[in-house]
Amino acid sequence: MRRRIPVNRPAATLGPGRRADPGASRKLAGATLAFLAVFGTLGASPMSHADVRFLDRVVAEIDATPVPASDVALARALGLFDLTPAPRAIDATDIERYVDGRLLTREATRLGVETTAEERAGAWAAAADRAGGQTALEAWLRIADVDPAWARRLVDQDLMSRRFVEIRFRDLAFVSEAEVTAAMGPGAHGEADREAVRARLEGDAARRRLREWLVETRARSVIRRLVDEGARVPDPLAGAGEHH
C-alpha cells in the first residue's frame, strides 16, 4: 500500500481533507512553507487518506510572495501558463514558466483586464478537455485533494494572462506592407498567401515584444528561484498526471 509522508502544515491551512486555495493564507504561510517539517514516519499500521498530508515547499518568490510547488504542479496538470502536463517531478523550467504566468496575471489585474463568465466557462471546459473530460478532472481533483475553487481560480488567472497578451502584444503588433513583401520573396503570390505571411510576422513580433516585456518586468521585480538548474522537486500532487 502506497503511503504519503505526513508533514506539519501551517496553522492557516485546512486540516484533513481537500486542499484549499493557498492564496487566502499566503502571507501567514509564507514564513513556514519553505520547508515543511516532517514530524511523522511511515508506521506499520495503514494510514487513511484523511490522515495524511502532502509534502509541499516554496520553489520561488515573487516580490517576497512565496510560490509553493503545489501551485506549479496544479497549473502544470491543467496545462496553464504554457506548462505541459507531465507525470514527473517539477524542474526549473516549470517554475520559470509559472513565474512568467504570475507576472502576466499580476499586470492584467493591475490594468483591470476583465473576462466574461462565458469566457471563464470556456477556459474551464478547455482545461477539463486537456484532463480527459469533466468527469476525469473531477475525479482527479478528489484523488489529489484539490479544492475545485483553487483549480478554477488558476484557470481564470491563466485566462486573464492570455487576454493581457492579446491586448498588449498581439493586437498591437504591426507589420508594414514592405516587410510582408520582403518576407514573401520573389514570384507571384495570392492574397491568401500574403495574409498568412502577415499573420506569421505579426505573431513573431508579438512574441518578441512579450519576451522583452518579461525581461524588463523581471528586472523590476525581486524574483528568487529556490530550485537550482538541473534539480527537481517532487510533485506534491503525485499521481496527478495519471489521467493525461
C-alpha atoms as a PDB file:
ATOM      1  CA  MET A   1       0.000   0.000   0.000  1.00  0.00           C
ATOM      2  CA  ARG A   2       1.426   3.322  -1.004  1.00  0.00           C
ATOM      3  CA  ARG A   3       1.561   5.858   1.814  1.00  0.00           C
ATOM      4  CA  ARG A   4       2.395   9.524   1.890  1.00  0.00           C
ATOM      5  CA  ILE A   5       4.707  11.124   4.408  1.00  0.00           C
ATOM      6  CA  PRO A   6       2.725  13.115   6.987  1.00  0.00           C
ATOM      7  CA  VAL A   7       4.031  16.635   7.380  1.00  0.00           C
ATOM      8  CA  ASN A   8       3.233  19.609   9.542  1.00  0.00           C
ATOM      9  CA  ARG A   9       1.105  22.133   7.633  1.00  0.00           C
ATOM     10  CA  PRO A  10       0.811  25.826   8.551  1.00  0.00           C
ATOM     11  CA  ALA A  11      -1.932  26.618  11.027  1.00  0.00           C
ATOM     12  CA  ALA A  12      -3.728  28.799   8.495  1.00  0.00           C
ATOM     13  CA  THR A  13      -4.264  25.912   6.071  1.00  0.00           C
ATOM     14  CA  LEU A  14      -7.029  23.379   6.261  1.00  0.00           C
ATOM     15  CA  GLY A  15      -6.818  20.256   8.328  1.00  0.00           C
ATOM     16  CA  PRO A  16      -7.508  16.798   6.911  1.00  0.00           C
ATOM     17  CA  GLY A  17      -9.451  16.794   3.693  1.00  0.00           C
ATOM     18  CA  ARG A  18      -9.428  18.665   0.457  1.00  0.00           C
ATOM     19  CA  ARG A  19      -6.695  21.137  -0.344  1.00  0.00           C
ATOM     20  CA  ALA A  20      -7.858  24.736  -0.226  1.00  0.00           C
ATOM     21  CA  ASP A  21      -6.828  27.656  -2.397  1.00  0.00           C
ATOM     22  CA  PRO A  22      -3.476  28.728  -0.895  1.00  0.00           C
ATOM     23  CA  GLY A  23      -4.000  32.368  -1.823  1.00  0.00           C
ATOM     24  CA  ALA A  24      -6.167  33.041   1.216  1.00  0.00           C
ATOM     25  CA  SER A  25      -3.374  32.225   3.649  1.00  0.00           C
ATOM     26  CA  ARG A  26      -0.332  33.140   1.543  1.00  0.00           C
ATOM     27  CA  LYS A  27       1.091  35.826   3.819  1.00  0.00           C
ATOM     28  CA  LEU A  28       0.705  33.842   7.016  1.00  0.00           C
ATOM     29  CA  ALA A  29       2.001  30.664   5.446  1.00  0.00           C
ATOM     30  CA  GLY A  30       4.948  32.283   3.700  1.00  0.00           C
ATOM     31  CA  ALA A  31       7.333  32.083   6.614  1.00  0.00           C
ATOM     32  CA  THR A  32       6.671  28.421   7.258  1.00  0.00           C
ATOM     33  CA  LEU A  33       6.123  26.918   3.813  1.00  0.00           C
ATOM     34  CA  ALA A  34       9.752  26.950   2.692  1.00  0.00           C
ATOM     35  CA  PHE A  35      10.404  23.501   4.081  1.00  0.00           C
ATOM     36  CA  LEU A  36       7.544  21.889   5.946  1.00  0.00           C
ATOM     37  CA  ALA A  37       8.910  19.890   8.869  1.00  0.00           C
ATOM     38  CA  VAL A  38       8.426  16.164   8.696  1.00  0.00           C
ATOM     39  CA  PHE A  39       7.302  15.036  12.164  1.00  0.00           C
ATOM     40  CA  GLY A  40       5.958  11.586  11.399  1.00  0.00           C
ATOM     41  CA  THR A  41       7.370   8.487   9.779  1.00  0.00           C
ATOM     42  CA  LEU A  42       5.745   5.646   7.967  1.00  0.00           C
ATOM     43  CA  GLY A  43       4.325   3.418  10.636  1.00  0.00           C
ATOM     44  CA  ALA A  44       3.453  -0.217  10.491  1.00  0.00           C
ATOM     45  CA  SER A  45      -0.294   0.417  10.519  1.00  0.00           C
ATOM     46  CA  PRO A  46      -2.055   1.651   7.355  1.00  0.00           C
ATOM     47  CA  MET A  47      -2.857   5.359   7.157  1.00  0.00           C
ATOM     48  CA  SER A  48      -6.201   6.509   5.809  1.00  0.00           C
ATOM     49  CA  HIS A  49      -6.390   9.193   3.093  1.00  0.00           C
ATOM     50  CA  ALA A  50      -7.814  11.659   5.626  1.00  0.00           C
ATOM     51  CA  ASP A  51      -4.885  11.120   7.995  1.00  0.00           C
ATOM     52  CA  VAL A  52      -2.116  12.188   5.639  1.00  0.00           C
ATOM     53  CA  ARG A  53      -0.692  15.498   4.481  1.00  0.00           C
ATOM     54  CA  PHE A  54       1.176  16.348   1.290  1.00  0.00           C
ATOM     55  CA  LEU A  55       4.792  17.440   1.346  1.00  0.00           C
ATOM     56  CA  ASP A  56       4.982  20.949  -0.116  1.00  0.00           C
ATOM     57  CA  ARG A  57       7.699  23.564  -0.308  1.00  0.00           C
ATOM     58  CA  VAL A  58       8.310  27.019  -1.666  1.00  0.00           C
ATOM     59  CA  VAL A  59      10.084  26.852  -5.026  1.00  0.00           C
ATOM     60  CA  ALA A  60      10.258  30.585  -5.797  1.00  0.00           C
ATOM     61  CA  GLU A  61       9.434  34.048  -4.516  1.00  0.00           C
ATOM     62  CA  ILE A  62       7.991  36.958  -6.479  1.00  0.00           C
ATOM     63  CA  ASP A  63       8.488  40.220  -4.597  1.00  0.00           C
ATOM     64  CA  ALA A  64       8.510  38.244  -1.319  1.00  0.00           C
ATOM     65  CA  THR A  65       5.330  36.358  -2.250  1.00  0.00           C
ATOM     66  CA  PRO A  66       6.040  32.627  -1.972  1.00  0.00           C
ATOM     67  CA  VAL A  67       5.302  30.245  -4.820  1.00  0.00           C
ATOM     68  CA  PRO A  68       4.587  26.750  -3.475  1.00  0.00           C
ATOM     69  CA  ALA A  69       5.324  23.660  -5.538  1.00  0.00           C
ATOM     70  CA  SER A  70       1.648  22.730  -5.325  1.00  0.00           C
ATOM     71  CA  ASP A  71       0.683  25.836  -7.334  1.00  0.00           C
ATOM     72  CA  VAL A  72       3.157  24.928 -10.065  1.00  0.00           C
ATOM     73  CA  ALA A  73       2.040  21.289 -10.016  1.00  0.00           C
ATOM     74  CA  LEU A  74      -1.636  22.201 -10.318  1.00  0.00           C
ATOM     75  CA  ALA A  75      -1.022  24.700 -13.128  1.00  0.00           C
ATOM     76  CA  ARG A  76       1.039  22.119 -14.974  1.00  0.00           C
ATOM     77  CA  ALA A  77      -1.550  19.371 -14.517  1.00  0.00           C
ATOM     78  CA  LEU A  78      -4.189  21.689 -16.007  1.00  0.00           C
ATOM     79  CA  GLY A  79      -1.956  22.865 -18.861  1.00  0.00           C
ATOM     80  CA  LEU A  80      -1.901  26.508 -17.739  1.00  0.00           C
ATOM     81  CA  PHE A  81       0.707  29.259 -18.231  1.00  0.00           C
ATOM     82  CA  ASP A  82       2.314  27.411 -21.178  1.00  0.00           C
ATOM     83  CA  LEU A  83       3.054  24.422 -18.955  1.00  0.00           C
ATOM     84  CA  THR A  84       2.720  20.957 -20.426  1.00  0.00           C
ATOM     85  CA  PRO A  85       1.012  18.287 -18.303  1.00  0.00           C
ATOM     86  CA  ALA A  86       3.535  15.599 -17.373  1.00  0.00           C
ATOM     87  CA  PRO A  87       3.654  12.961 -14.583  1.00  0.00           C
ATOM     88  CA  ARG A  88       7.140  13.868 -13.355  1.00  0.00           C
ATOM     89  CA  ALA A  89       8.949  15.962 -10.803  1.00  0.00           C
ATOM     90  CA  ILE A  90       8.918  19.761 -11.076  1.00  0.00           C
ATOM     91  CA  ASP A  91      12.008  21.319 -12.647  1.00  0.00           C
ATOM     92  CA  ALA A  92      13.405  24.818 -13.095  1.00  0.00           C
ATOM     93  CA  THR A  93      11.696  25.279 -16.474  1.00  0.00           C
ATOM     94  CA  ASP A  94       8.295  24.560 -14.942  1.00  0.00           C
ATOM     95  CA  ILE A  95       8.946  27.116 -12.228  1.00  0.00           C
ATOM     96  CA  GLU A  96      10.173  29.795 -14.633  1.00  0.00           C
ATOM     97  CA  ARG A  97       7.115  29.410 -16.863  1.00  0.00           C
ATOM     98  CA  TYR A  98       4.808  29.589 -13.879  1.00  0.00           C
ATOM     99  CA  VAL A  99       6.565  32.737 -12.634  1.00  0.00           C
ATOM    100  CA  ASP A 100       6.146  34.334 -16.069  1.00  0.00           C
ATOM    101  CA  GLY A 101       2.455  33.467 -15.910  1.00  0.00           C
ATOM    102  CA  ARG A 102       2.132  35.067 -12.498  1.00  0.00           C
ATOM    103  CA  LEU A 103       3.813  38.251 -13.750  1.00  0.00           C
ATOM    104  CA  LEU A 104       1.376  38.423 -16.662  1.00  0.00           C
ATOM    105  CA  THR A 105      -1.582  37.818 -14.353  1.00  0.00           C
ATOM    106  CA  ARG A 106      -0.385  40.484 -11.951  1.00  0.00           C
ATOM    107  CA  GLU A 107      -0.144  43.053 -14.741  1.00  0.00           C
ATOM    108  CA  ALA A 108      -3.545  42.047 -16.104  1.00  0.00           C
ATOM    109  CA  THR A 109      -5.031  42.570 -12.643  1.00  0.00           C
ATOM    110  CA  ARG A 110      -3.295  45.947 -12.283  1.00  0.00           C
ATOM    111  CA  LEU A 111      -4.707  47.117 -15.615  1.00  0.00           C
ATOM    112  CA  GLY A 112      -8.178  45.855 -14.801  1.00  0.00           C
ATOM    113  CA  VAL A 113      -8.320  43.306 -17.610  1.00  0.00           C
ATOM    114  CA  GLU A 114     -11.716  41.636 -17.481  1.00  0.00           C
ATOM    115  CA  THR A 115     -13.097  38.347 -18.734  1.00  0.00           C
ATOM    116  CA  THR A 116     -16.709  37.315 -19.152  1.00  0.00           C
ATOM    117  CA  ALA A 117     -18.488  34.455 -17.427  1.00  0.00           C
ATOM    118  CA  GLU A 118     -18.789  32.747 -20.795  1.00  0.00           C
ATOM    119  CA  GLU A 119     -15.050  33.038 -21.405  1.00  0.00           C
ATOM    120  CA  ARG A 120     -14.266  31.669 -17.956  1.00  0.00           C
ATOM    121  CA  ALA A 121     -16.629  28.755 -18.518  1.00  0.00           C
ATOM    122  CA  GLY A 122     -14.942  28.086 -21.848  1.00  0.00           C
ATOM    123  CA  ALA A 123     -11.488  28.156 -20.243  1.00  0.00           C
ATOM    124  CA  TRP A 124     -12.621  25.670 -17.597  1.00  0.00           C
ATOM    125  CA  ALA A 125     -14.098  23.408 -20.268  1.00  0.00           C
ATOM    126  CA  ALA A 126     -10.818  23.542 -22.196  1.00  0.00           C
ATOM    127  CA  ALA A 127      -8.873  22.600 -19.058  1.00  0.00           C
ATOM    128  CA  ALA A 128     -11.263  19.702 -18.500  1.00  0.00           C
ATOM    129  CA  ASP A 129     -10.755  18.561 -22.103  1.00  0.00           C
ATOM    130  CA  ARG A 130      -6.993  18.540 -21.582  1.00  0.00           C
ATOM    131  CA  ALA A 131      -7.578  16.382 -18.491  1.00  0.00           C
ATOM    132  CA  GLY A 132      -9.639  13.852 -20.408  1.00  0.00           C
ATOM    133  CA  GLY A 133     -13.061  15.338 -19.781  1.00  0.00           C
ATOM    134  CA  GLN A 134     -15.056  16.885 -16.953  1.00  0.00           C
ATOM    135  CA  THR A 135     -15.638  13.544 -15.196  1.00  0.00           C
ATOM    136  CA  ALA A 136     -11.936  12.672 -15.289  1.00  0.00           C
ATOM    137  CA  LEU A 137     -10.971  16.118 -13.997  1.00  0.00           C
ATOM    138  CA  GLU A 138     -13.438  15.979 -11.110  1.00  0.00           C
ATOM    139  CA  ALA A 139     -12.196  12.502 -10.180  1.00  0.00           C
ATOM    140  CA  TRP A 140      -8.583  13.666 -10.235  1.00  0.00           C
ATOM    141  CA  LEU A 141      -9.348  16.707  -8.081  1.00  0.00           C
ATOM    142  CA  ARG A 142     -10.879  14.395  -5.477  1.00  0.00           C
ATOM    143  CA  ILE A 143      -7.954  11.969  -5.571  1.00  0.00           C
ATOM    144  CA  ALA A 144      -5.413  14.802  -5.310  1.00  0.00           C
ATOM    145  CA  ASP A 145      -7.398  16.549  -2.539  1.00  0.00           C
ATOM    146  CA  VAL A 146      -7.520  19.731  -4.611  1.00  0.00           C
ATOM    147  CA  ASP A 147     -10.255  22.255  -3.878  1.00  0.00           C
ATOM    148  CA  PRO A 148     -12.073  22.871  -7.191  1.00  0.00           C
ATOM    149  CA  ALA A 149     -12.232  26.586  -6.317  1.00  0.00           C
ATOM    150  CA  TRP A 150      -8.426  26.664  -6.262  1.00  0.00           C
ATOM    151  CA  ALA A 151      -8.267  24.976  -9.663  1.00  0.00           C
ATOM    152  CA  ARG A 152     -10.869  27.331 -11.129  1.00  0.00           C
ATOM    153  CA  ARG A 153      -9.001  30.348  -9.797  1.00  0.00           C
ATOM    154  CA  LEU A 154      -5.806  29.251 -11.563  1.00  0.00           C
ATOM    155  CA  VAL A 155      -7.741  28.634 -14.783  1.00  0.00           C
ATOM    156  CA  ASP A 156      -9.248  32.129 -14.531  1.00  0.00           C
ATOM    157  CA  GLN A 157      -5.827  33.666 -13.912  1.00  0.00           C
ATOM    158  CA  ASP A 158      -4.384  31.859 -16.919  1.00  0.00           C
ATOM    159  CA  LEU A 159      -7.261  33.260 -18.991  1.00  0.00           C
ATOM    160  CA  MET A 160      -6.509  36.764 -17.729  1.00  0.00           C
ATOM    161  CA  SER A 161      -2.827  36.400 -18.603  1.00  0.00           C
ATOM    162  CA  ARG A 162      -3.694  35.283 -22.138  1.00  0.00           C
ATOM    163  CA  ARG A 163      -6.140  38.141 -22.558  1.00  0.00           C
ATOM    164  CA  PHE A 164      -3.445  40.598 -21.442  1.00  0.00           C
ATOM    165  CA  VAL A 165      -1.044  39.143 -24.021  1.00  0.00           C
ATOM    166  CA  GLU A 166      -3.678  39.601 -26.721  1.00  0.00           C
ATOM    167  CA  ILE A 167      -4.414  43.213 -25.771  1.00  0.00           C
ATOM    168  CA  ARG A 168      -0.862  44.323 -25.038  1.00  0.00           C
ATOM    169  CA  PHE A 169       1.104  42.463 -27.692  1.00  0.00           C
ATOM    170  CA  ARG A 170      -0.892  40.632 -30.367  1.00  0.00           C
ATOM    171  CA  ASP A 171      -3.442  43.354 -31.042  1.00  0.00           C
ATOM    172  CA  LEU A 172      -0.701  45.973 -31.239  1.00  0.00           C
ATOM    173  CA  ALA A 173       1.677  44.011 -33.452  1.00  0.00           C
ATOM    174  CA  PHE A 174       2.161  45.913 -36.698  1.00  0.00           C
ATOM    175  CA  VAL A 175       3.914  44.712 -39.822  1.00  0.00           C
ATOM    176  CA  SER A 176       4.364  47.002 -42.810  1.00  0.00           C
ATOM    177  CA  GLU A 177       3.490  46.042 -46.369  1.00  0.00           C
ATOM    178  CA  ALA A 178       7.174  46.292 -47.255  1.00  0.00           C
ATOM    179  CA  GLU A 179       8.037  43.740 -44.568  1.00  0.00           C
ATOM    180  CA  VAL A 180       5.372  41.367 -45.828  1.00  0.00           C
ATOM    181  CA  THR A 181       6.609  41.730 -49.403  1.00  0.00           C
ATOM    182  CA  ALA A 182      10.210  41.126 -48.363  1.00  0.00           C
ATOM    183  CA  ALA A 183       9.251  38.025 -46.378  1.00  0.00           C
ATOM    184  CA  MET A 184       7.314  36.570 -49.314  1.00  0.00           C
ATOM    185  CA  GLY A 185      10.212  36.815 -51.706  1.00  0.00           C
ATOM    186  CA  PRO A 186      10.072  36.956 -55.492  1.00  0.00           C
ATOM    187  CA  GLY A 187       7.366  35.413 -57.609  1.00  0.00           C
ATOM    188  CA  ALA A 188       3.601  35.588 -57.810  1.00  0.00           C
ATOM    189  CA  HIS A 189       1.662  35.222 -54.576  1.00  0.00           C
ATOM    190  CA  GLY A 190      -2.044  35.233 -53.877  1.00  0.00           C
ATOM    191  CA  GLU A 191      -3.779  37.355 -51.269  1.00  0.00           C
ATOM    192  CA  ALA A 192      -4.267  34.336 -49.015  1.00  0.00           C
ATOM    193  CA  ASP A 193      -0.510  33.695 -49.070  1.00  0.00           C
ATOM    194  CA  ARG A 194       0.131  37.342 -48.257  1.00  0.00           C
ATOM    195  CA  GLU A 195      -2.237  37.289 -45.276  1.00  0.00           C
ATOM    196  CA  ALA A 196      -0.679  34.080 -43.974  1.00  0.00           C
ATOM    197  CA  VAL A 197       2.775  35.679 -44.083  1.00  0.00           C
ATOM    198  CA  ARG A 198       1.427  38.809 -42.392  1.00  0.00           C
ATOM    199  CA  ALA A 199      -0.087  36.717 -39.584  1.00  0.00           C
ATOM    200  CA  ARG A 200       3.202  34.874 -39.107  1.00  0.00           C
ATOM    201  CA  LEU A 201       5.211  38.081 -38.935  1.00  0.00           C
ATOM    202  CA  GLU A 202       2.728  39.672 -36.535  1.00  0.00           C
ATOM    203  CA  GLY A 203       2.908  36.580 -34.327  1.00  0.00           C
ATOM    204  CA  ASP A 204       6.713  36.729 -34.352  1.00  0.00           C
ATOM    205  CA  ALA A 205       6.631  40.421 -33.441  1.00  0.00           C
ATOM    206  CA  ALA A 206       4.167  39.850 -30.600  1.00  0.00           C
ATOM    207  CA  ARG A 207       6.250  37.010 -29.141  1.00  0.00           C
ATOM    208  CA  ARG A 208       9.414  39.094 -29.385  1.00  0.00           C
ATOM    209  CA  ARG A 209       7.827  42.031 -27.564  1.00  0.00           C
ATOM    210  CA  LEU A 210       6.385  39.689 -24.954  1.00  0.00           C
ATOM    211  CA  ARG A 211       9.848  38.271 -24.270  1.00  0.00           C
ATOM    212  CA  GLU A 212      11.240  41.794 -23.970  1.00  0.00           C
ATOM    213  CA  TRP A 213       8.437  42.760 -21.584  1.00  0.00           C
ATOM    214  CA  LEU A 214       9.099  39.728 -19.394  1.00  0.00           C
ATOM    215  CA  VAL A 215      12.814  40.550 -19.235  1.00  0.00           C
ATOM    216  CA  GLU A 216      12.054  44.147 -18.228  1.00  0.00           C
ATOM    217  CA  THR A 217       9.386  43.118 -15.706  1.00  0.00           C
ATOM    218  CA  ARG A 218      11.660  40.545 -14.124  1.00  0.00           C
ATOM    219  CA  ALA A 219      14.373  43.202 -13.819  1.00  0.00           C
ATOM    220  CA  ARG A 220      11.941  45.467 -11.942  1.00  0.00           C
ATOM    221  CA  SER A 221      10.855  42.650  -9.649  1.00  0.00           C
ATOM    222  CA  VAL A 222      12.611  40.682  -6.946  1.00  0.00           C
ATOM    223  CA  ILE A 223      12.373  37.095  -8.125  1.00  0.00           C
ATOM    224  CA  ARG A 224      14.145  34.206  -6.464  1.00  0.00           C
ATOM    225  CA  ARG A 225      14.013  30.688  -7.803  1.00  0.00           C
ATOM    226  CA  LEU A 226      14.769  28.348  -4.911  1.00  0.00           C
ATOM    227  CA  VAL A 227      15.453  25.309  -7.067  1.00  0.00           C
ATOM    228  CA  ASP A 228      18.821  25.011  -8.787  1.00  0.00           C
ATOM    229  CA  GLU A 229      19.114  24.485 -12.518  1.00  0.00           C
ATOM    230  CA  GLY A 230      19.012  20.770 -13.169  1.00  0.00           C
ATOM    231  CA  ALA A 231      17.458  19.987  -9.795  1.00  0.00           C
ATOM    232  CA  ARG A 232      13.949  18.596  -9.391  1.00  0.00           C
ATOM    233  CA  VAL A 233      11.272  18.878  -6.724  1.00  0.00           C
ATOM    234  CA  PRO A 234       8.846  16.013  -6.083  1.00  0.00           C
ATOM    235  CA  ASP A 235       5.351  16.743  -7.359  1.00  0.00           C
ATOM    236  CA  PRO A 236       3.217  17.337  -4.223  1.00  0.00           C
ATOM    237  CA  LEU A 237       0.216  16.210  -6.244  1.00  0.00           C
ATOM    238  CA  ALA A 238       1.916  12.928  -7.106  1.00  0.00           C
ATOM    239  CA  GLY A 239      -0.288  10.835  -9.327  1.00  0.00           C
ATOM    240  CA  ALA A 240      -1.969  13.927 -10.738  1.00  0.00           C
ATOM    241  CA  GLY A 241      -0.794  13.218 -14.238  1.00  0.00           C
ATOM    242  CA  GLU A 242      -2.090   9.680 -14.434  1.00  0.00           C
ATOM    243  CA  HIS A 243      -5.212  10.670 -16.339  1.00  0.00           C
ATOM    244  CA  HIS A 244      -3.409  12.679 -19.023  1.00  0.00           C
END
